[in-house]
Amino acid sequence: MNARLDYLSRQRWFAGGDDVTLSGVDACGWIREPTDGFGVRLEFVNVLVDGVEQTYNMPTSYRTDPHEGFEGALIEHDGDYFVYDALHDAHARTELLSGFFGATLDGLTFSGTLPVDADAPTIELIAEQSNTSIIIGNDLVLKLFRKVVHGRNPEIELSRALTEDGSTQVAAVHGWITLRDVGQGDVDLAMVSDFIRSATTGWDSARASFRDLVADPDADASEAGGDFAGESERLGETVADIHRRLASLFGTESWGPAELSALADRLDERCRAASSAAPQLLPYVDAARSTFDVLRRLTTPALAQRTHGDLHLGQALRGIRGWIVIDFEGEPAMPLADRVRLDSPLRDVAGMLRSYDYAAHSILLQADITDDDRAARWADHNRRAFLKGYGDQVSPELLRAYEIDKAVYEVAYESAHRPTWIDIPLHALDLLLVNDG
């Protein structure tokens, strides 16, 4: 196997697939030529995944001698150089950022100004994610987009617009890096924003709340020492404010029967594709499609606008000044056209509501405990609080369709990546479809 493909296939940020082949490596140019035994090069690795081309942003550092402690970042030894993933190499990270401090790097545009010195220390942020994040100094974070496409990345587009609109509920954007391509369109490579140092994720906080409840078998969801409902309500208020800002900044559409029917068609197709990848979904397909079919008969128009696109508790940080929503990239596995399409804000709401169910059941799974009734009560308690904070009138038919679509997606995801978790979304589908008739 080619060394680049072998390294790529082992990374958490690689989307994966059943049939993966290398279609080429594009050397986009040297950021620093290795004339003195150390160099940094921008590289794209192009692969065919189940017949669909994907491009990954994989800058590399070249060293004449092996670097101690970099063994896990080693891609290959090409005969002349030891080649490493540059994001794991502190010296290479400094070179990657040099364009923000006056260096001219062919083909790259560095937009914005970073409020740090050029020699600010950098540390890789270790976490499960679809990109790679680097802390710069103490107050900034660079997110390097791994799976890239031609066109403006929604993370930059939406986060920058919200920052300029004065929102304090997103991490303020300070700059971004773009590869210029006059032929096919520019490619966004990375973004720099505030690093919320003291924050905890909504996922961790929600899990801690349910863990406290499990530890007290006599407590109700609203009585546990770690009751999360107040935070859930404030999170709902935060998401509502972001939705209102996005609607004002990017405009809205009114979806009538034709658009809602087209939405039902898309949900049908997503369900079909997911059940093909995960046969465990087959018993649920007919009931899911019946739910989607209800959308074709709705007579009340639905609002469509730009949305977060992949909202869940892990995308919300609880900082000193309140909730902050991050990662506006949408689902990286989806085509860019789908990620920037106007959609109902209820897709984001459904993602958050599903996340409460996941948080509770992940604790049960971890502790090997069966207590679905208590998990359901805790999740319902917090779901209601979130919806109270969100406040806007919600179409129950549309929200339910999005929740089912999300659970269907989750089954396919868990089947491919975490088979031991697949019962969580399957149990949700039992409640959303089978028991609900």
Protein backbone atom coordinates (compact mmCIF):
# COMPACT_ATOMS: atom_id res chain seq x y z
CA MET A 1 0.00 0.00 0.00
CA ASN A 2 1.22 3.51 -0.76
CA ALA A 3 2.67 5.16 2.36
CA ARG A 4 0.34 8.19 2.13
CA LEU A 5 -2.73 5.97 1.80
CA ASP A 6 -1.57 3.71 4.63
CA TYR A 7 -1.14 6.70 6.96
CA LEU A 8 -4.42 8.26 5.86
CA SER A 9 -6.40 5.07 6.46
CA ARG A 10 -5.30 5.00 10.11
CA GLN A 11 -6.43 8.53 10.98
CA ARG A 12 -9.55 9.40 12.96
CA TRP A 13 -10.34 12.19 10.50
CA PHE A 14 -10.41 9.85 7.49
CA ALA A 15 -14.02 9.21 6.44
CA GLY A 16 -13.26 5.60 5.51
CA GLY A 17 -15.10 3.19 3.24
CA ASP A 18 -15.17 -0.38 1.99
CA ASP A 19 -13.16 0.24 -1.18
CA VAL A 20 -10.37 2.81 -0.90
CA THR A 21 -7.71 3.39 -3.55
CA LEU A 22 -5.12 6.13 -4.03
CA SER A 23 -5.76 8.26 -7.10
CA GLY A 24 -2.84 10.64 -6.63
CA VAL A 25 -0.81 12.96 -4.40
CA ASP A 26 -0.70 16.64 -5.33
CA ALA A 27 2.42 18.46 -4.13
CA CYS A 28 0.96 21.97 -3.93
CA GLY A 29 4.25 23.65 -3.12
CA TRP A 30 6.96 24.05 -0.53
CA ILE A 31 6.21 26.28 2.43
CA ARG A 32 9.86 25.84 3.38
CA GLU A 33 12.25 24.00 1.07
CA PRO A 34 14.41 21.37 2.83
CA THR A 35 17.75 22.93 1.86
CA ASP A 36 19.04 22.69 5.43
CA GLY A 37 17.65 19.27 6.28
CA PHE A 38 14.18 20.48 7.29
CA GLY A 39 11.29 21.38 5.03
CA VAL A 40 7.52 21.74 5.02
CA ARG A 41 5.33 21.00 2.02
CA LEU A 42 1.62 21.39 1.36
CA GLU A 43 0.19 18.14 0.00
CA PHE A 44 -3.24 16.88 -1.00
CA VAL A 45 -3.91 13.15 -0.97
CA ASN A 46 -6.62 12.15 -3.45
CA VAL A 47 -8.43 8.87 -2.94
CA LEU A 48 -11.40 7.03 -4.41
CA VAL A 49 -13.70 5.88 -1.62
CA ASP A 50 -16.39 3.51 -2.86
CA GLY A 51 -16.06 5.13 -6.27
CA VAL A 52 -16.30 8.72 -5.00
CA GLU A 53 -13.23 10.98 -5.06
CA GLN A 54 -12.16 12.61 -1.79
CA THR A 55 -9.29 15.01 -1.18
CA TYR A 56 -7.42 15.25 2.13
CA ASN A 57 -5.27 18.14 3.30
CA MET A 58 -2.07 16.52 4.61
CA PRO A 59 0.83 18.97 4.96
CA THR A 60 4.11 17.16 5.53
CA SER A 61 7.43 17.92 7.17
CA TYR A 62 10.68 16.57 5.73
CA ARG A 63 13.65 15.86 7.97
CA THR A 64 17.06 14.45 7.07
CA ASP A 65 17.28 12.70 10.44
CA PRO A 66 14.52 10.93 12.38
CA HIS A 67 12.92 13.07 15.06
CA GLU A 68 12.57 11.46 18.47
CA GLY A 69 8.99 11.21 19.68
CA PHE A 70 7.50 11.58 16.18
CA GLU A 71 7.18 7.85 15.50
CA GLY A 72 3.38 7.97 15.42
CA ALA A 73 3.46 10.83 12.89
CA LEU A 74 5.92 9.14 10.52
CA ILE A 75 4.46 8.63 7.06
CA GLU A 76 7.52 7.16 5.33
CA HIS A 77 11.24 7.35 4.72
CA ASP A 78 11.59 8.15 1.02
CA GLY A 79 15.31 7.41 0.82
CA ASP A 80 16.39 10.99 1.47
CA TYR A 81 14.01 12.28 4.12
CA PHE A 82 11.87 11.12 6.99
CA VAL A 83 8.41 12.39 6.09
CA TYR A 84 6.03 13.33 8.92
CA ASP A 85 2.52 14.70 9.28
CA ALA A 86 3.37 18.39 9.73
CA LEU A 87 0.59 18.99 12.27
CA HIS A 88 2.47 16.78 14.75
CA ASP A 89 5.73 18.73 14.24
CA ALA A 90 6.00 21.95 16.28
CA HIS A 91 8.59 23.52 13.96
CA ALA A 92 6.45 22.71 10.93
CA ARG A 93 3.38 24.23 12.60
CA THR A 94 5.27 27.50 13.06
CA GLU A 95 6.15 27.47 9.35
CA LEU A 96 2.50 26.85 8.44
CA LEU A 97 1.48 29.95 10.40
CA SER A 98 4.27 32.19 9.07
CA GLY A 99 2.05 33.71 6.38
CA PHE A 100 0.05 35.48 9.09
CA PHE A 101 3.24 37.30 10.14
CA GLY A 102 4.49 38.64 6.83
CA ALA A 103 6.00 35.63 5.08
CA THR A 104 5.03 35.25 1.40
CA LEU A 105 4.08 31.68 0.57
CA ASP A 106 3.39 30.91 -3.09
CA GLY A 107 -0.23 30.06 -3.82
CA LEU A 108 -1.47 30.69 -0.28
CA THR A 109 -3.57 33.57 1.01
CA PHE A 110 -3.53 34.38 4.74
CA SER A 111 -6.54 36.50 5.68
CA GLY A 112 -6.88 38.30 9.01
CA THR A 113 -4.52 39.15 11.83
CA LEU A 114 -3.56 36.93 14.75
CA PRO A 115 -3.20 38.64 18.16
CA VAL A 116 -0.08 36.61 19.04
CA ASP A 117 3.63 36.73 18.23
CA ALA A 118 5.11 34.78 15.33
CA ASP A 119 7.01 32.52 17.74
CA ALA A 120 3.98 31.69 19.91
CA PRO A 121 4.11 28.07 21.09
CA THR A 122 1.76 25.58 19.48
CA ILE A 123 0.26 22.41 20.94
CA GLU A 124 -1.83 19.80 19.19
CA LEU A 125 -5.29 19.37 20.69
CA ILE A 126 -5.89 15.66 21.15
CA ALA A 127 -9.54 14.79 20.58
CA GLU A 128 -11.75 12.66 18.38
CA GLN A 129 -12.73 14.90 15.49
CA SER A 130 -12.92 15.13 11.72
CA ASN A 131 -10.21 17.82 11.55
CA THR A 132 -6.99 18.64 13.40
CA SER A 133 -6.81 21.50 15.92
CA ILE A 134 -3.70 23.31 17.15
CA ILE A 135 -3.63 25.64 20.16
CA ILE A 136 -1.61 28.79 19.43
CA GLY A 137 -0.28 30.49 22.53
CA ASN A 138 -3.02 30.29 25.14
CA ASP A 139 -5.97 31.97 23.46
CA LEU A 140 -6.21 30.85 19.81
CA VAL A 141 -6.91 27.60 18.02
CA LEU A 142 -6.13 26.73 14.43
CA LYS A 143 -8.46 24.19 12.86
CA LEU A 144 -6.90 22.53 9.84
CA PHE A 145 -9.63 21.14 7.60
CA ARG A 146 -8.66 17.62 6.62
CA LYS A 147 -11.29 16.70 4.02
CA VAL A 148 -11.31 19.63 1.60
CA VAL A 149 -13.21 20.74 -1.50
CA HIS A 150 -13.15 23.67 -3.87
CA GLY A 151 -15.27 26.52 -2.53
CA ARG A 152 -15.74 28.45 0.70
CA ASN A 153 -15.84 26.23 3.77
CA PRO A 154 -19.10 26.86 5.70
CA GLU A 155 -17.11 26.94 8.95
CA ILE A 156 -15.35 30.09 7.79
CA GLU A 157 -18.38 31.58 6.07
CA LEU A 158 -20.82 31.25 8.97
CA SER A 159 -18.43 31.74 11.89
CA ARG A 160 -16.95 34.85 10.29
CA ALA A 161 -20.39 36.33 9.55
CA LEU A 162 -21.58 35.69 13.11
CA THR A 163 -18.37 37.17 14.52
CA GLU A 164 -18.77 40.32 12.43
CA ASP A 165 -22.43 40.50 13.50
CA GLY A 166 -21.28 40.80 17.10
CA SER A 167 -22.35 37.38 18.35
CA THR A 168 -20.65 36.33 21.58
CA GLN A 169 -22.11 32.84 21.20
CA VAL A 170 -19.52 31.68 18.68
CA ALA A 171 -15.73 31.53 18.89
CA ALA A 172 -14.54 34.77 17.28
CA VAL A 173 -12.71 34.26 13.96
CA HIS A 174 -9.30 35.92 13.53
CA GLY A 175 -8.05 34.52 10.24
CA TRP A 176 -8.06 31.74 7.67
CA ILE A 177 -5.76 30.15 5.09
CA THR A 178 -6.79 29.58 1.47
CA LEU A 179 -5.07 27.87 -1.45
CA ARG A 180 -5.65 29.94 -4.57
CA ASP A 181 -6.94 28.00 -7.57
CA VAL A 182 -8.23 30.11 -10.47
CA GLY A 183 -9.22 27.03 -12.44
CA GLN A 184 -11.55 25.06 -10.16
CA GLY A 185 -12.02 27.54 -7.32
CA ASP A 186 -10.08 28.29 -4.14
CA VAL A 187 -9.71 25.70 -1.36
CA ASP A 188 -9.99 26.72 2.30
CA LEU A 189 -7.31 24.96 4.33
CA ALA A 190 -7.63 26.24 7.90
CA MET A 191 -9.26 28.77 10.23
CA VAL A 192 -8.02 30.49 13.40
CA SER A 193 -10.48 31.44 16.14
CA ASP A 194 -10.63 32.03 19.88
CA PHE A 195 -9.70 29.05 22.06
CA ILE A 196 -12.22 28.79 24.89
CA ARG A 197 -9.81 27.55 27.55
CA SER A 198 -12.08 27.13 30.54
CA ALA A 199 -15.00 25.57 28.67
CA THR A 200 -16.48 22.12 28.99
CA THR A 201 -18.50 20.49 26.24
CA GLY A 202 -22.22 20.04 26.57
CA TRP A 203 -21.62 16.34 25.97
CA ASP A 204 -19.37 15.98 29.02
CA SER A 205 -21.67 18.07 31.21
CA ALA A 206 -24.79 16.18 30.16
CA ARG A 207 -23.15 12.83 30.76
CA ALA A 208 -22.03 13.99 34.22
CA SER A 209 -25.63 14.99 35.00
CA PHE A 210 -27.00 11.59 34.06
CA ARG A 211 -24.15 9.82 35.84
CA ASP A 212 -25.17 11.63 39.04
CA LEU A 213 -28.74 10.50 38.52
CA VAL A 214 -27.73 6.87 38.02
CA ALA A 215 -25.73 7.05 41.26
CA ASP A 216 -28.90 7.99 43.17
CA PRO A 217 -31.51 5.35 42.28
CA ASP A 218 -34.27 7.15 44.22
CA ALA A 219 -33.84 10.55 42.53
CA ASP A 220 -36.01 11.92 39.76
CA ALA A 221 -34.42 13.53 36.71
CA SER A 222 -35.15 16.98 38.15
CA GLU A 223 -33.84 16.12 41.62
CA ALA A 224 -30.34 14.83 40.90
CA GLY A 225 -27.45 16.97 42.14
CA GLY A 226 -26.31 17.41 38.56
CA ASP A 227 -29.64 18.51 37.07
CA PHE A 228 -28.85 19.82 33.60
CA ALA A 229 -32.23 21.31 32.69
CA GLY A 230 -31.28 24.91 33.43
CA GLU A 231 -28.28 24.66 31.13
CA SER A 232 -30.40 22.91 28.50
CA GLU A 233 -32.85 25.81 28.53
CA ARG A 234 -30.03 28.36 28.17
CA LEU A 235 -28.55 26.28 25.36
CA GLY A 236 -31.91 26.40 23.59
CA GLU A 237 -31.89 30.19 23.90
CA THR A 238 -28.36 30.29 22.43
CA VAL A 239 -29.28 28.15 19.43
CA ALA A 240 -32.39 30.26 18.80
CA ASP A 241 -30.30 33.45 18.82
CA ILE A 242 -27.80 31.96 16.36
CA HIS A 243 -30.64 30.85 14.08
CA ARG A 244 -32.15 34.34 14.15
CA ARG A 245 -28.80 35.88 13.25
CA LEU A 246 -28.19 33.43 10.41
CA ALA A 247 -31.65 34.12 9.02
CA SER A 248 -30.95 37.85 9.07
CA LEU A 249 -27.46 37.52 7.59
CA PHE A 250 -28.13 35.02 4.82
CA GLY A 251 -31.85 35.29 4.15
CA THR A 252 -34.67 32.77 4.29
CA GLU A 253 -37.09 30.88 2.07
CA SER A 254 -40.64 29.73 2.66
CA TRP A 255 -41.08 26.04 1.88
CA GLY A 256 -44.48 25.16 0.47
CA PRO A 257 -45.82 21.79 -0.73
CA ALA A 258 -43.29 21.43 -3.56
CA GLU A 259 -40.26 22.07 -1.33
CA LEU A 260 -41.57 19.86 1.49
CA SER A 261 -42.20 17.07 -1.01
CA ALA A 262 -38.63 17.46 -2.27
CA LEU A 263 -37.41 17.28 1.34
CA ALA A 264 -39.37 14.04 1.82
CA ASP A 265 -37.70 12.67 -1.31
CA ARG A 266 -34.25 13.52 0.09
CA LEU A 267 -35.05 11.88 3.42
CA ASP A 268 -36.32 8.80 1.58
CA GLU A 269 -33.07 8.58 -0.36
CA ARG A 270 -30.95 9.01 2.76
CA CYS A 271 -32.92 6.24 4.44
CA ARG A 272 -32.49 3.96 1.43
CA ALA A 273 -28.74 4.55 1.33
CA ALA A 274 -28.36 4.05 5.08
CA SER A 275 -30.32 0.78 5.06
CA SER A 276 -28.14 -0.47 2.23
CA ALA A 277 -25.04 0.21 4.34
CA ALA A 278 -26.62 -1.04 7.60
CA PRO A 279 -29.09 -3.94 7.14
CA GLN A 280 -30.17 -3.50 10.78
CA LEU A 281 -32.29 -0.61 9.49
CA LEU A 282 -34.39 -2.71 7.12
CA PRO A 283 -37.22 -3.43 9.64
CA TYR A 284 -37.64 0.35 10.13
CA VAL A 285 -37.57 1.58 6.53
CA ASP A 286 -41.30 1.38 5.75
CA ALA A 287 -42.31 3.16 8.96
CA ALA A 288 -39.65 5.84 8.45
CA ARG A 289 -40.78 6.50 4.90
CA SER A 290 -44.39 6.73 6.09
CA THR A 291 -43.31 9.46 8.50
CA PHE A 292 -41.48 11.30 5.72
CA ASP A 293 -44.57 10.98 3.53
CA VAL A 294 -46.51 13.09 6.04
CA LEU A 295 -44.39 16.07 4.93
CA ARG A 296 -45.94 15.84 1.47
CA ARG A 297 -49.35 16.59 2.97
CA LEU A 298 -48.40 19.55 5.17
CA THR A 299 -50.23 22.76 4.31
CA THR A 300 -48.42 25.15 6.64
CA PRO A 301 -45.28 26.67 5.04
CA ALA A 302 -41.94 25.94 6.71
CA LEU A 303 -39.02 28.34 7.15
CA ALA A 304 -35.71 27.44 5.49
CA GLN A 305 -32.37 29.16 6.13
CA ARG A 306 -28.66 28.53 6.66
CA THR A 307 -28.13 26.27 9.64
CA HIS A 308 -25.32 24.72 11.66
CA GLY A 309 -25.89 21.40 9.91
CA ASP A 310 -24.34 19.03 12.46
CA LEU A 311 -25.48 20.29 15.84
CA HIS A 312 -25.15 18.16 18.96
CA LEU A 313 -23.95 18.49 22.55
CA GLY A 314 -20.32 18.02 21.52
CA GLN A 315 -20.55 21.18 19.38
CA ALA A 316 -21.57 23.34 22.35
CA LEU A 317 -19.06 24.69 24.86
CA ARG A 318 -20.08 26.03 28.28
CA GLY A 319 -17.69 28.87 29.03
CA ILE A 320 -17.60 31.63 31.62
CA ARG A 321 -19.81 33.90 29.52
CA GLY A 322 -22.34 31.20 28.63
CA TRP A 323 -22.85 28.74 25.80
CA ILE A 324 -20.72 28.94 22.68
CA VAL A 325 -21.52 26.93 19.54
CA ILE A 326 -18.62 25.71 17.39
CA ASP A 327 -17.92 23.68 14.24
CA PHE A 328 -20.22 25.22 11.63
CA GLU A 329 -18.72 23.04 8.90
CA GLY A 330 -21.76 20.76 8.70
CA GLU A 331 -21.35 17.03 8.10
CA PRO A 332 -17.89 16.81 6.42
CA ALA A 333 -18.93 13.63 4.62
CA MET A 334 -21.70 15.48 2.78
CA PRO A 335 -21.08 17.31 -0.52
CA LEU A 336 -20.52 21.04 -0.15
CA ALA A 337 -23.70 21.82 -2.09
CA ASP A 338 -25.73 19.94 0.53
CA ARG A 339 -23.96 21.63 3.43
CA VAL A 340 -24.71 25.15 2.20
CA ARG A 341 -28.29 24.43 1.07
CA LEU A 342 -31.01 26.25 2.96
CA ASP A 343 -32.70 23.89 5.39
CA SER A 344 -35.17 24.00 8.24
CA PRO A 345 -33.56 25.09 11.53
CA LEU A 346 -35.39 22.10 12.99
CA ARG A 347 -32.62 19.91 11.59
CA ASP A 348 -30.31 21.51 14.16
CA VAL A 349 -32.95 21.18 16.89
CA ALA A 350 -33.44 17.49 16.08
CA GLY A 351 -29.68 16.88 16.25
CA MET A 352 -29.53 18.39 19.72
CA LEU A 353 -32.56 16.45 20.95
CA ARG A 354 -31.04 13.18 19.71
CA SER A 355 -27.82 14.09 21.52
CA TYR A 356 -29.55 14.03 24.92
CA ASP A 357 -30.67 10.46 24.29
CA TYR A 358 -27.12 9.55 23.26
CA ALA A 359 -25.56 11.12 26.34
CA ALA A 360 -27.75 9.14 28.74
CA HIS A 361 -27.45 5.81 26.94
CA SER A 362 -23.68 6.16 26.56
CA ILE A 363 -23.42 6.17 30.37
CA LEU A 364 -25.57 3.04 30.60
CA LEU A 365 -23.45 1.38 27.93
CA GLN A 366 -20.23 2.31 29.67
CA ALA A 367 -21.45 1.02 33.04
CA ASP A 368 -23.12 -2.05 31.49
CA ILE A 369 -26.45 -1.03 33.09
CA THR A 370 -29.92 -1.52 31.65
CA ASP A 371 -32.15 1.36 32.72
CA ASP A 372 -33.79 2.63 29.55
CA ASP A 373 -36.74 4.06 31.44
CA ARG A 374 -34.58 6.35 33.57
CA ALA A 375 -32.52 7.38 30.54
CA ALA A 376 -35.72 8.24 28.68
CA ARG A 377 -37.03 10.34 31.59
CA TRP A 378 -33.75 12.24 31.92
CA ALA A 379 -33.53 12.85 28.18
CA ASP A 380 -37.17 13.98 28.00
CA HIS A 381 -36.64 16.34 30.96
CA ASN A 382 -33.74 18.05 29.17
CA ARG A 383 -35.30 17.93 25.72
CA ARG A 384 -38.30 19.83 27.06
CA ALA A 385 -36.01 22.37 28.73
CA PHE A 386 -34.08 22.89 25.48
CA LEU A 387 -37.29 23.40 23.50
CA LYS A 388 -38.55 25.83 26.13
CA GLY A 389 -35.38 27.89 25.72
CA TYR A 390 -35.53 27.63 21.92
CA GLY A 391 -38.98 29.12 22.10
CA ASP A 392 -39.95 29.34 18.45
CA GLN A 393 -43.06 27.54 17.29
CA VAL A 394 -42.04 24.05 16.21
CA SER A 395 -43.80 21.86 13.65
CA PRO A 396 -44.10 18.45 15.37
CA GLU A 397 -44.33 16.60 12.03
CA LEU A 398 -41.20 18.25 10.65
CA LEU A 399 -39.24 17.87 13.86
CA ARG A 400 -40.15 14.17 14.10
CA ALA A 401 -39.09 13.58 10.50
CA TYR A 402 -35.69 15.17 11.18
CA GLU A 403 -35.23 13.17 14.39
CA ILE A 404 -35.95 9.93 12.55
CA ASP A 405 -33.59 10.94 9.76
CA LYS A 406 -30.89 11.64 12.35
CA ALA A 407 -31.42 8.29 14.09
CA VAL A 408 -31.25 6.51 10.73
CA TYR A 409 -27.94 8.25 10.02
CA GLU A 410 -26.68 7.26 13.47
CA VAL A 411 -27.40 3.58 12.85
CA ALA A 412 -25.37 3.65 9.64
CA TYR A 413 -22.55 5.55 11.35
CA GLU A 414 -22.36 3.20 14.33
CA SER A 415 -22.53 0.17 12.07
CA ALA A 416 -19.41 1.41 10.28
CA HIS A 417 -17.45 2.93 13.17
CA ARG A 418 -18.73 1.79 16.62
CA PRO A 419 -20.80 -1.39 16.28
CA THR A 420 -21.13 -1.74 20.06
CA TRP A 421 -23.10 1.55 20.14
CA ILE A 422 -25.62 0.64 17.46
CA ASP A 423 -28.34 -0.27 19.95
CA ILE A 424 -28.60 3.41 21.03
CA PRO A 425 -30.10 4.70 17.76
CA LEU A 426 -31.97 1.43 17.16
CA HIS A 427 -33.70 1.85 20.52
CA ALA A 428 -34.58 5.42 19.52
CA LEU A 429 -36.14 4.21 16.30
CA ASP A 430 -38.19 1.71 18.30
CA LEU A 431 -39.62 4.62 20.28
CA LEU A 432 -39.98 7.01 17.35
CA LEU A 433 -41.51 4.51 14.93
CA VAL A 434 -42.60 1.14 16.22
CA ASN A 435 -44.15 2.08 19.55
CA ASP A 436 -45.59 5.25 18.05
CA GLY A 437 -47.33 3.30 15.33
